[in-house]
Amino acid sequence: MAQKANSLSHTKWLCKYHIVFTPKYRRKIIYGQYKESIR
């Protein structure tokens, strides 16, 4: 998979992570559905 570095006038970055914050009451529902794909 080709990775494209994002850039602005004086910076370049390559983001490799997707971070998702979930409230405590939704954790069981979301974690149960996506448990295998997270690992």
PDB file of N, CA and C in Angstrom:
ATOM      1  N   MET A   1       0.845  -1.178   0.000  1.00  0.00           N
ATOM      2  CA  MET A   1       0.000   0.000   0.000  1.00  0.00           C
ATOM      3  C   MET A   1       0.890   1.241   0.000  1.00  0.00           C
ATOM      4  N   ALA A   2       0.654   2.140  -0.903  1.00  0.00           N
ATOM      5  CA  ALA A   2       1.429   3.373  -0.974  1.00  0.00           C
ATOM      6  C   ALA A   2       1.012   4.314   0.144  1.00  0.00           C
ATOM      7  N   GLN A   3       2.012   4.916   0.772  1.00  0.00           N
ATOM      8  CA  GLN A   3       1.735   5.850   1.860  1.00  0.00           C
ATOM      9  C   GLN A   3       2.102   7.255   1.402  1.00  0.00           C
ATOM     10  N   LYS A   4       1.194   8.177   1.594  1.00  0.00           N
ATOM     11  CA  LYS A   4       1.407   9.549   1.175  1.00  0.00           C
ATOM     12  C   LYS A   4       1.685  10.404   2.403  1.00  0.00           C
ATOM     13  N   ALA A   5       2.785  11.129   2.377  1.00  0.00           N
ATOM     14  CA  ALA A   5       3.112  12.031   3.474  1.00  0.00           C
ATOM     15  C   ALA A   5       2.338  13.333   3.288  1.00  0.00           C
ATOM     16  N   ASN A   6       1.618  13.743   4.296  1.00  0.00           N
ATOM     17  CA  ASN A   6       0.909  15.020   4.266  1.00  0.00           C
ATOM     18  C   ASN A   6       1.905  16.134   4.527  1.00  0.00           C
ATOM     19  N   SER A   7       1.628  17.323   4.019  1.00  0.00           N
ATOM     20  CA  SER A   7       2.574  18.412   4.232  1.00  0.00           C
ATOM     21  C   SER A   7       1.869  19.760   4.282  1.00  0.00           C
ATOM     22  N   LEU A   8       2.509  20.658   4.996  1.00  0.00           N
ATOM     23  CA  LEU A   8       2.141  22.069   5.025  1.00  0.00           C
ATOM     24  C   LEU A   8       3.381  22.846   4.584  1.00  0.00           C
ATOM     25  N   SER A   9       3.407  24.136   4.776  1.00  0.00           N
ATOM     26  CA  SER A   9       4.517  24.932   4.267  1.00  0.00           C
ATOM     27  C   SER A   9       5.878  24.541   4.854  1.00  0.00           C
ATOM     28  N   HIS A  10       5.946  24.209   6.143  1.00  0.00           N
ATOM     29  CA  HIS A  10       7.237  23.903   6.759  1.00  0.00           C
ATOM     30  C   HIS A  10       7.282  22.548   7.444  1.00  0.00           C
ATOM     31  N   THR A  11       6.267  21.732   7.272  1.00  0.00           N
ATOM     32  CA  THR A  11       6.235  20.444   7.965  1.00  0.00           C
ATOM     33  C   THR A  11       5.756  19.333   7.038  1.00  0.00           C
ATOM     34  N   LYS A  12       6.176  18.122   7.358  1.00  0.00           N
ATOM     35  CA  LYS A  12       5.669  16.927   6.677  1.00  0.00           C
ATOM     36  C   LYS A  12       5.398  15.882   7.736  1.00  0.00           C
ATOM     37  N   TRP A  13       4.344  15.087   7.541  1.00  0.00           N
ATOM     38  CA  TRP A  13       4.047  14.032   8.498  1.00  0.00           C
ATOM     39  C   TRP A  13       3.390  12.860   7.787  1.00  0.00           C
ATOM     40  N   LEU A  14       3.533  11.701   8.400  1.00  0.00           N
ATOM     41  CA  LEU A  14       2.921  10.477   7.896  1.00  0.00           C
ATOM     42  C   LEU A  14       2.199   9.834   9.068  1.00  0.00           C
ATOM     43  N   CYS A  15       0.888   9.929   9.073  1.00  0.00           N
ATOM     44  CA  CYS A  15       0.088   9.411  10.177  1.00  0.00           C
ATOM     45  C   CYS A  15      -0.234   7.946   9.920  1.00  0.00           C
ATOM     46  N   LYS A  16       0.159   7.081  10.858  1.00  0.00           N
ATOM     47  CA  LYS A  16      -0.059   5.645  10.704  1.00  0.00           C
ATOM     48  C   LYS A  16      -1.111   5.114  11.666  1.00  0.00           C
ATOM     49  N   TYR A  17      -1.679   5.966  12.489  1.00  0.00           N
ATOM     50  CA  TYR A  17      -2.612   5.509  13.509  1.00  0.00           C
ATOM     51  C   TYR A  17      -3.957   6.200  13.375  1.00  0.00           C
ATOM     52  N   HIS A  18      -4.990   5.487  13.751  1.00  0.00           N
ATOM     53  CA  HIS A  18      -6.338   6.052  13.822  1.00  0.00           C
ATOM     54  C   HIS A  18      -6.799   5.849  15.263  1.00  0.00           C
ATOM     55  N   ILE A  19      -6.916   6.922  15.998  1.00  0.00           N
ATOM     56  CA  ILE A  19      -7.248   6.849  17.421  1.00  0.00           C
ATOM     57  C   ILE A  19      -8.723   7.190  17.605  1.00  0.00           C
ATOM     58  N   VAL A  20      -9.414   6.345  18.345  1.00  0.00           N
ATOM     59  CA  VAL A  20     -10.834   6.555  18.606  1.00  0.00           C
ATOM     60  C   VAL A  20     -11.055   6.582  20.110  1.00  0.00           C
ATOM     61  N   PHE A  21     -11.662   7.638  20.601  1.00  0.00           N
ATOM     62  CA  PHE A  21     -12.004   7.742  22.013  1.00  0.00           C
ATOM     63  C   PHE A  21     -13.484   7.414  22.174  1.00  0.00           C
ATOM     64  N   THR A  22     -13.781   6.510  23.105  1.00  0.00           N
ATOM     65  CA  THR A  22     -15.177   6.135  23.336  1.00  0.00           C
ATOM     66  C   THR A  22     -15.545   6.360  24.793  1.00  0.00           C
ATOM     67  N   PRO A  23     -16.732   6.843  25.044  1.00  0.00           N
ATOM     68  CA  PRO A  23     -17.186   6.998  26.424  1.00  0.00           C
ATOM     69  C   PRO A  23     -17.285   5.640  27.122  1.00  0.00           C
ATOM     70  N   LYS A  24     -17.199   5.662  28.414  1.00  0.00           N
ATOM     71  CA  LYS A  24     -17.193   4.429  29.198  1.00  0.00           C
ATOM     72  C   LYS A  24     -18.441   3.581  28.960  1.00  0.00           C
ATOM     73  N   TYR A  25     -19.595   4.194  28.836  1.00  0.00           N
ATOM     74  CA  TYR A  25     -20.829   3.426  28.688  1.00  0.00           C
ATOM     75  C   TYR A  25     -20.958   2.780  27.306  1.00  0.00           C
ATOM     76  N   ARG A  26     -20.193   3.209  26.310  1.00  0.00           N
ATOM     77  CA  ARG A  26     -20.247   2.621  24.965  1.00  0.00           C
ATOM     78  C   ARG A  26     -19.145   1.589  24.737  1.00  0.00           C
ATOM     79  N   ARG A  27     -18.207   1.476  25.652  1.00  0.00           N
ATOM     80  CA  ARG A  27     -17.055   0.598  25.460  1.00  0.00           C
ATOM     81  C   ARG A  27     -17.448  -0.860  25.247  1.00  0.00           C
ATOM     82  N   LYS A  28     -18.339  -1.388  26.058  1.00  0.00           N
ATOM     83  CA  LYS A  28     -18.723  -2.796  25.944  1.00  0.00           C
ATOM     84  C   LYS A  28     -19.358  -3.088  24.590  1.00  0.00           C
ATOM     85  N   ILE A  29     -20.178  -2.191  24.110  1.00  0.00           N
ATOM     86  CA  ILE A  29     -20.863  -2.392  22.832  1.00  0.00           C
ATOM     87  C   ILE A  29     -19.866  -2.362  21.678  1.00  0.00           C
ATOM     88  N   ILE A  30     -19.052  -1.326  21.635  1.00  0.00           N
ATOM     89  CA  ILE A  30     -18.101  -1.177  20.533  1.00  0.00           C
ATOM     90  C   ILE A  30     -17.006  -2.229  20.605  1.00  0.00           C
ATOM     91  N   TYR A  31     -16.462  -2.469  21.775  1.00  0.00           N
ATOM     92  CA  TYR A  31     -15.379  -3.437  21.921  1.00  0.00           C
ATOM     93  C   TYR A  31     -15.859  -4.843  21.586  1.00  0.00           C
ATOM     94  N   GLY A  32     -17.079  -5.162  21.935  1.00  0.00           N
ATOM     95  CA  GLY A  32     -17.623  -6.481  21.623  1.00  0.00           C
ATOM     96  C   GLY A  32     -17.764  -6.719  20.124  1.00  0.00           C
ATOM     97  N   GLN A  33     -18.145  -5.699  19.379  1.00  0.00           N
ATOM     98  CA  GLN A  33     -18.338  -5.830  17.937  1.00  0.00           C
ATOM     99  C   GLN A  33     -17.018  -5.925  17.181  1.00  0.00           C
ATOM    100  N   TYR A  34     -16.012  -5.185  17.623  1.00  0.00           N
ATOM    101  CA  TYR A  34     -14.773  -5.058  16.857  1.00  0.00           C
ATOM    102  C   TYR A  34     -13.560  -5.668  17.543  1.00  0.00           C
ATOM    103  N   LYS A  35     -13.785  -6.552  18.494  1.00  0.00           N
ATOM    104  CA  LYS A  35     -12.701  -7.131  19.281  1.00  0.00           C
ATOM    105  C   LYS A  35     -11.645  -7.812  18.402  1.00  0.00           C
ATOM    106  N   GLU A  36     -12.064  -8.604  17.449  1.00  0.00           N
ATOM    107  CA  GLU A  36     -11.117  -9.334  16.598  1.00  0.00           C
ATOM    108  C   GLU A  36     -10.356  -8.408  15.649  1.00  0.00           C
ATOM    109  N   SER A  37     -11.019  -7.416  15.089  1.00  0.00           N
ATOM    110  CA  SER A  37     -10.336  -6.531  14.144  1.00  0.00           C
ATOM    111  C   SER A  37      -9.370  -5.576  14.835  1.00  0.00           C
ATOM    112  N   ILE A  38      -9.587  -5.290  16.116  1.00  0.00           N
ATOM    113  CA  ILE A  38      -8.681  -4.418  16.861  1.00  0.00           C
ATOM    114  C   ILE A  38      -7.350  -5.108  17.096  1.00  0.00           C
ATOM    115  N   ARG A  39      -7.391  -6.393  17.348  1.00  0.00           N
ATOM    116  CA  ARG A  39      -6.154  -7.135  17.609  1.00  0.00           C
ATOM    117  C   ARG A  39      -5.453  -7.355  16.328  1.00  0.00           C
TER     118      ARG A  39
END
